[in-house]
C-alpha atoms as a PDB file:
ATOM      1  CA  MET A   1     120.458 188.910 173.781  1.00  0.00           C
ATOM      2  CA  THR A   2     121.397 188.247 177.382  1.00  0.00           C
ATOM      3  CA  ALA A   3     120.474 185.127 179.297  1.00  0.00           C
ATOM      4  CA  SER A   4     117.936 187.089 181.342  1.00  0.00           C
ATOM      5  CA  GLU A   5     116.268 188.446 178.193  1.00  0.00           C
ATOM      6  CA  SER A   6     116.095 184.938 176.776  1.00  0.00           C
ATOM      7  CA  ALA A   7     114.588 183.601 179.994  1.00  0.00           C
ATOM      8  CA  ALA A   8     112.045 186.435 180.062  1.00  0.00           C
ATOM      9  CA  GLY A   9     111.114 185.623 176.474  1.00  0.00           C
ATOM     10  CA  ASN A  10     110.631 181.992 177.361  1.00  0.00           C
ATOM     11  CA  ALA A  11     108.607 182.966 180.418  1.00  0.00           C
ATOM     12  CA  ASP A  12     106.372 185.078 178.198  1.00  0.00           C
ATOM     13  CA  ILE A  13     105.862 182.156 175.825  1.00  0.00           C
ATOM     14  CA  LEU A  14     104.960 179.846 178.698  1.00  0.00           C
ATOM     15  CA  ASP A  15     102.601 182.458 180.120  1.00  0.00           C
ATOM     16  CA  LEU A  16     100.788 182.717 176.789  1.00  0.00           C
ATOM     17  CA  ALA A  17     100.616 178.923 176.442  1.00  0.00           C
ATOM     18  CA  ASN A  18      99.173 178.738 179.945  1.00  0.00           C
ATOM     19  CA  ARG A  19      96.563 181.340 179.018  1.00  0.00           C
ATOM     20  CA  PHE A  20      95.502 179.134 176.104  1.00  0.00           C
ATOM     21  CA  GLU A  21      95.403 176.161 178.474  1.00  0.00           C
ATOM     22  CA  ALA A  22      93.132 178.082 180.871  1.00  0.00           C
ATOM     23  CA  ILE A  23      90.754 178.841 178.005  1.00  0.00           C
ATOM     24  CA  ALA A  24      90.829 175.166 177.011  1.00  0.00           C
ATOM     25  CA  ALA A  25      90.057 174.207 180.614  1.00  0.00           C
ATOM     26  CA  ASP A  26      86.977 176.451 180.490  1.00  0.00           C
ATOM     27  CA  GLY A  27      85.881 174.786 177.267  1.00  0.00           C
ATOM     28  CA  PHE A  28      86.510 171.366 178.780  1.00  0.00           C
ATOM     29  CA  GLU A  29      84.149 172.336 181.605  1.00  0.00           C
ATOM     30  CA  GLY A  30      81.484 173.279 179.065  1.00  0.00           C
ATOM     31  CA  LYS A  31      81.909 177.036 179.276  1.00  0.00           C
ATOM     32  CA  PRO A  32      81.983 179.150 176.105  1.00  0.00           C
ATOM     33  CA  TYR A  33      85.574 179.529 174.975  1.00  0.00           C
ATOM     34  CA  GLN A  34      85.609 180.352 171.248  1.00  0.00           C
ATOM     35  CA  ASP A  35      85.658 184.148 171.588  1.00  0.00           C
ATOM     36  CA  ALA A  36      88.427 184.131 174.196  1.00  0.00           C
ATOM     37  CA  LEU A  37      90.447 181.660 172.134  1.00  0.00           C
ATOM     38  CA  ALA A  38      90.108 183.711 168.951  1.00  0.00           C
ATOM     39  CA  ASP A  39      90.925 186.956 170.774  1.00  0.00           C
ATOM     40  CA  LEU A  40      94.076 185.592 172.379  1.00  0.00           C
ATOM     41  CA  ALA A  41      95.192 184.010 169.116  1.00  0.00           C
ATOM     42  CA  ARG A  42      94.659 187.316 167.309  1.00  0.00           C
ATOM     43  CA  ARG A  43      96.769 189.180 169.889  1.00  0.00           C
ATOM     44  CA  VAL A  44      99.550 186.581 169.723  1.00  0.00           C
ATOM     45  CA  ARG A  45      99.549 186.572 165.891  1.00  0.00           C
ATOM     46  CA  ALA A  46     100.177 190.321 166.049  1.00  0.00           C
ATOM     47  CA  GLN A  47     103.634 189.323 167.304  1.00  0.00           C
ATOM     48  CA  PRO A  48     104.867 187.282 164.311  1.00  0.00           C
ATOM     49  CA  GLU A  49     107.967 185.894 166.042  1.00  0.00           C
ATOM     50  CA  THR A  50     105.950 184.881 169.091  1.00  0.00           C
ATOM     51  CA  ALA A  51     103.086 182.970 167.441  1.00  0.00           C
ATOM     52  CA  PRO A  52     105.177 180.001 166.209  1.00  0.00           C
ATOM     53  CA  ARG A  53     106.899 179.682 169.583  1.00  0.00           C
ATOM     54  CA  VAL A  54     103.570 179.628 171.422  1.00  0.00           C
ATOM     55  CA  ALA A  55     102.197 177.116 168.907  1.00  0.00           C
ATOM     56  CA  HIS A  56     105.259 174.931 169.551  1.00  0.00           C
ATOM     57  CA  ALA A  57     104.733 175.144 173.325  1.00  0.00           C
ATOM     58  CA  LEU A  58     101.084 174.207 172.844  1.00  0.00           C
ATOM     59  CA  GLY A  59     102.118 171.231 170.727  1.00  0.00           C
ATOM     60  CA  ILE A  60     104.322 169.997 173.556  1.00  0.00           C
ATOM     61  CA  MET A  61     101.467 170.544 176.008  1.00  0.00           C
ATOM     62  CA  ILE A  62      99.080 168.590 173.782  1.00  0.00           C
ATOM     63  CA  ARG A  63     101.515 165.676 173.545  1.00  0.00           C
ATOM     64  CA  LEU A  64     102.122 165.631 177.307  1.00  0.00           C
ATOM     65  CA  ILE A  65      98.405 165.648 178.049  1.00  0.00           C
ATOM     66  CA  GLY A  66      97.831 162.889 175.499  1.00  0.00           C
ATOM     67  CA  GLU A  67     100.631 160.726 176.874  1.00  0.00           C
ATOM     68  CA  SER A  68      99.293 161.025 180.413  1.00  0.00           C
ATOM     69  CA  ASP A  69      95.672 160.416 179.406  1.00  0.00           C
ATOM     70  CA  PRO A  70      95.383 156.965 177.801  1.00  0.00           C
ATOM     71  CA  THR A  71      91.601 156.892 178.299  1.00  0.00           C
ATOM     72  CA  GLY A  72      91.104 160.138 176.375  1.00  0.00           C
ATOM     73  CA  ARG A  73      89.353 161.925 179.229  1.00  0.00           C
ATOM     74  CA  PHE A  74      90.961 165.211 178.194  1.00  0.00           C
ATOM     75  CA  ALA A  75      90.348 164.819 174.458  1.00  0.00           C
ATOM     76  CA  THR A  76      88.083 167.874 174.450  1.00  0.00           C
ATOM     77  CA  LYS A  77      90.793 169.961 176.074  1.00  0.00           C
ATOM     78  CA  THR A  78      93.451 168.839 173.615  1.00  0.00           C
ATOM     79  CA  ALA A  79      91.065 169.457 170.713  1.00  0.00           C
ATOM     80  CA  ILE A  80      90.641 173.049 171.903  1.00  0.00           C
ATOM     81  CA  LEU A  81      94.407 173.412 172.171  1.00  0.00           C
ATOM     82  CA  ASP A  82      94.650 172.049 168.599  1.00  0.00           C
ATOM     83  CA  GLU A  83      92.200 174.787 167.594  1.00  0.00           C
ATOM     84  CA  ALA A  84      94.523 177.316 169.199  1.00  0.00           C
ATOM     85  CA  VAL A  85      97.499 176.001 167.236  1.00  0.00           C
ATOM     86  CA  ALA A  86      95.491 176.278 164.017  1.00  0.00           C
ATOM     87  CA  LEU A  87      94.410 179.824 164.864  1.00  0.00           C
ATOM     88  CA  LEU A  88      98.026 180.800 165.535  1.00  0.00           C
ATOM     89  CA  ALA A  89      99.009 179.507 162.089  1.00  0.00           C
ATOM     90  CA  GLU A  90      96.421 181.709 160.338  1.00  0.00           C
ATOM     91  CA  GLY A  91      97.248 185.028 158.840  1.00  0.00           C
END
């Protein structure tokens, strides 16, 4: 694997994590999110080597949000991201 292939793979992982974050942002704003979350998780799980990497990226995102949010304002958002991690582990 070349460095550019590795970087593209990492970019893809970050893109998927950001898609989950966008869905979580919708949920945080009170919009329905469950169907979109389940659909994206299903598509990512179809790529067995990708799902754990995305789940790892989401875990880092959750920790960063939590560390920067001592009042818990974004607890709903991180809970939705936790749901995403759990959905990625299924199957």
